[in-house]
């Protein structure tokens, strides 16, 4: 299990990946962004060889990683995290805000 700021990456068995996943949308710079800082513009980005950022077609914010080669999670304000081959579920930290539960914004 790896934490990088408000993003948690949890290893799962590849068989536990939901069926029908598709490539998650990329940002304007064609990066695989797990979370984008609304205040700073910084991003948690997946890089590497033979890596995929996946999501169910109807839930683009529910993210999974499939690393078949070498994966790395990078961010402008945090140290890089190496990801070994495998499957991962992405969990974004949430906070209570009066009247709502929302993703933490950095």
C-alpha atoms as a PDB file:
ATOM      1  CA  UNK A   1       0.000   0.000   0.000  1.00  0.00           C
ATOM      2  CA  UNK A   2       1.373   3.426  -0.944  1.00  0.00           C
ATOM      3  CA  UNK A   3       0.266   6.911   0.083  1.00  0.00           C
ATOM      4  CA  UNK A   4       1.297  10.051  -1.760  1.00  0.00           C
ATOM      5  CA  UNK A   5      -0.425  13.056  -0.214  1.00  0.00           C
ATOM      6  CA  UNK A   6      -4.170  12.667  -0.603  1.00  0.00           C
ATOM      7  CA  UNK A   7      -3.860   9.612  -2.893  1.00  0.00           C
ATOM      8  CA  UNK A   8      -3.709   6.029  -1.615  1.00  0.00           C
ATOM      9  CA  UNK A   9      -2.745   3.167  -3.967  1.00  0.00           C
ATOM     10  CA  UNK A  10      -3.857  -0.237  -2.705  1.00  0.00           C
ATOM     11  CA  UNK A  11      -2.600  -3.483  -4.296  1.00  0.00           C
ATOM     12  CA  UNK A  12      -5.344  -5.881  -5.362  1.00  0.00           C
ATOM     13  CA  UNK A  13      -5.358  -9.214  -7.122  1.00  0.00           C
ATOM     14  CA  UNK A  14      -5.573  -8.762 -10.920  1.00  0.00           C
ATOM     15  CA  UNK A  15      -8.625 -11.050 -10.813  1.00  0.00           C
ATOM     16  CA  UNK A  16     -10.331  -8.419  -8.621  1.00  0.00           C
ATOM     17  CA  UNK A  17     -10.195  -5.760 -11.359  1.00  0.00           C
ATOM     18  CA  UNK A  18     -13.786  -5.017 -12.377  1.00  0.00           C
ATOM     19  CA  UNK A  19     -14.736  -6.328 -15.819  1.00  0.00           C
ATOM     20  CA  UNK A  20     -15.094  -3.910 -18.701  1.00  0.00           C
ATOM     21  CA  UNK A  21     -12.491  -1.354 -17.626  1.00  0.00           C
ATOM     22  CA  UNK A  22     -11.366   1.157 -20.236  1.00  0.00           C
ATOM     23  CA  UNK A  23      -8.457   3.594 -20.426  1.00  0.00           C
ATOM     24  CA  UNK A  24      -9.254   6.501 -18.104  1.00  0.00           C
ATOM     25  CA  UNK A  25      -9.323   9.958 -19.661  1.00  0.00           C
ATOM     26  CA  UNK A  26      -5.976  11.734 -19.853  1.00  0.00           C
ATOM     27  CA  UNK A  27      -5.366  15.375 -19.171  1.00  0.00           C
ATOM     28  CA  UNK A  28      -4.557  18.011 -21.803  1.00  0.00           C
ATOM     29  CA  UNK A  29      -0.867  17.101 -21.628  1.00  0.00           C
ATOM     30  CA  UNK A  30      -1.789  13.435 -22.261  1.00  0.00           C
ATOM     31  CA  UNK A  31      -0.689  12.435 -18.748  1.00  0.00           C
ATOM     32  CA  UNK A  32      -2.284   9.667 -16.675  1.00  0.00           C
ATOM     33  CA  UNK A  33      -3.499  11.804 -13.753  1.00  0.00           C
ATOM     34  CA  UNK A  34      -4.796  10.112 -10.605  1.00  0.00           C
ATOM     35  CA  UNK A  35      -5.668  13.405  -8.896  1.00  0.00           C
ATOM     36  CA  UNK A  36      -5.250  17.035  -9.866  1.00  0.00           C
ATOM     37  CA  UNK A  37      -4.731  19.757  -7.269  1.00  0.00           C
ATOM     38  CA  UNK A  38      -7.444  22.355  -7.727  1.00  0.00           C
ATOM     39  CA  UNK A  39      -5.557  25.016  -5.787  1.00  0.00           C
ATOM     40  CA  UNK A  40      -2.004  24.364  -7.002  1.00  0.00           C
ATOM     41  CA  UNK A  41      -2.456  22.652 -10.369  1.00  0.00           C
ATOM     42  CA  UNK A  42      -0.039  19.955  -9.212  1.00  0.00           C
ATOM     43  CA  UNK A  43      -0.931  16.395 -10.118  1.00  0.00           C
ATOM     44  CA  UNK A  44      -0.385  12.814  -9.012  1.00  0.00           C
ATOM     45  CA  UNK A  45       0.716  11.215 -12.290  1.00  0.00           C
ATOM     46  CA  UNK A  46       1.397   7.605 -13.280  1.00  0.00           C
ATOM     47  CA  UNK A  47       4.470   7.119 -15.470  1.00  0.00           C
ATOM     48  CA  UNK A  48       6.439   4.091 -16.603  1.00  0.00           C
ATOM     49  CA  UNK A  49       6.487   1.333 -19.159  1.00  0.00           C
ATOM     50  CA  UNK A  50       3.512  -0.943 -19.810  1.00  0.00           C
ATOM     51  CA  UNK A  51       1.274   0.852 -17.324  1.00  0.00           C
ATOM     52  CA  UNK A  52      -2.406   1.681 -17.646  1.00  0.00           C
ATOM     53  CA  UNK A  53      -4.800   3.945 -15.779  1.00  0.00           C
ATOM     54  CA  UNK A  54      -8.226   2.349 -16.051  1.00  0.00           C
ATOM     55  CA  UNK A  55     -11.793   3.148 -15.022  1.00  0.00           C
ATOM     56  CA  UNK A  56     -15.282   1.769 -15.525  1.00  0.00           C
ATOM     57  CA  UNK A  57     -16.890   3.500 -18.542  1.00  0.00           C
ATOM     58  CA  UNK A  58     -19.659   5.013 -16.446  1.00  0.00           C
ATOM     59  CA  UNK A  59     -17.427   6.040 -13.499  1.00  0.00           C
ATOM     60  CA  UNK A  60     -14.333   7.915 -14.753  1.00  0.00           C
ATOM     61  CA  UNK A  61     -13.386   8.983 -11.199  1.00  0.00           C
ATOM     62  CA  UNK A  62     -13.119   5.360  -9.964  1.00  0.00           C
ATOM     63  CA  UNK A  63      -9.555   4.497 -10.927  1.00  0.00           C
ATOM     64  CA  UNK A  64      -7.428   1.377 -11.141  1.00  0.00           C
ATOM     65  CA  UNK A  65      -3.799   0.880 -12.162  1.00  0.00           C
ATOM     66  CA  UNK A  66      -2.416  -2.055 -14.095  1.00  0.00           C
ATOM     67  CA  UNK A  67       1.375  -2.209 -14.018  1.00  0.00           C
ATOM     68  CA  UNK A  68       2.881  -4.893 -16.238  1.00  0.00           C
ATOM     69  CA  UNK A  69       6.350  -3.360 -16.465  1.00  0.00           C
ATOM     70  CA  UNK A  70       7.753  -0.540 -14.354  1.00  0.00           C
ATOM     71  CA  UNK A  71       5.412   1.978 -12.742  1.00  0.00           C
ATOM     72  CA  UNK A  72       6.100   5.199 -10.952  1.00  0.00           C
ATOM     73  CA  UNK A  73       3.810   7.648  -9.191  1.00  0.00           C
ATOM     74  CA  UNK A  74       5.147  11.215  -9.314  1.00  0.00           C
ATOM     75  CA  UNK A  75       4.024  14.585  -7.924  1.00  0.00           C
ATOM     76  CA  UNK A  76       5.635  18.013  -7.828  1.00  0.00           C
ATOM     77  CA  UNK A  77       5.644  18.200  -4.005  1.00  0.00           C
ATOM     78  CA  UNK A  78       6.158  14.550  -3.015  1.00  0.00           C
ATOM     79  CA  UNK A  79       8.871  11.990  -3.577  1.00  0.00           C
ATOM     80  CA  UNK A  80       8.306   9.455  -6.389  1.00  0.00           C
ATOM     81  CA  UNK A  81       6.894   6.041  -5.521  1.00  0.00           C
ATOM     82  CA  UNK A  82       7.927   2.945  -7.473  1.00  0.00           C
ATOM     83  CA  UNK A  83       5.145   0.509  -8.264  1.00  0.00           C
ATOM     84  CA  UNK A  84       5.916  -3.144  -8.815  1.00  0.00           C
ATOM     85  CA  UNK A  85       3.982  -5.112 -11.444  1.00  0.00           C
ATOM     86  CA  UNK A  86       0.421  -5.803 -10.392  1.00  0.00           C
ATOM     87  CA  UNK A  87      -3.019  -4.288 -10.098  1.00  0.00           C
ATOM     88  CA  UNK A  88      -3.966  -1.431  -7.803  1.00  0.00           C
ATOM     89  CA  UNK A  89      -7.067   0.412  -6.693  1.00  0.00           C
ATOM     90  CA  UNK A  90      -6.793   4.203  -6.315  1.00  0.00           C
ATOM     91  CA  UNK A  91      -8.413   5.786  -3.267  1.00  0.00           C
ATOM     92  CA  UNK A  92      -8.632   9.549  -2.946  1.00  0.00           C
ATOM     93  CA  UNK A  93      -8.848  11.031   0.517  1.00  0.00           C
ATOM     94  CA  UNK A  94     -12.178  12.621   1.303  1.00  0.00           C
ATOM     95  CA  UNK A  95     -13.180  15.146   3.910  1.00  0.00           C
ATOM     96  CA  UNK A  96     -16.397  16.199   5.522  1.00  0.00           C
ATOM     97  CA  UNK A  97     -17.509  19.680   4.584  1.00  0.00           C
ATOM     98  CA  UNK A  98     -20.785  20.899   6.095  1.00  0.00           C
ATOM     99  CA  UNK A  99     -23.476  19.407   3.932  1.00  0.00           C
ATOM    100  CA  UNK A 100     -21.216  17.233   1.794  1.00  0.00           C
ATOM    101  CA  UNK A 101     -18.366  14.727   1.654  1.00  0.00           C
ATOM    102  CA  UNK A 102     -15.848  15.772  -0.962  1.00  0.00           C
ATOM    103  CA  UNK A 103     -12.386  14.926  -2.253  1.00  0.00           C
ATOM    104  CA  UNK A 104      -9.573  16.733  -0.438  1.00  0.00           C
ATOM    105  CA  UNK A 105      -8.367  19.656  -2.559  1.00  0.00           C
ATOM    106  CA  UNK A 106      -4.711  20.640  -2.330  1.00  0.00           C
END
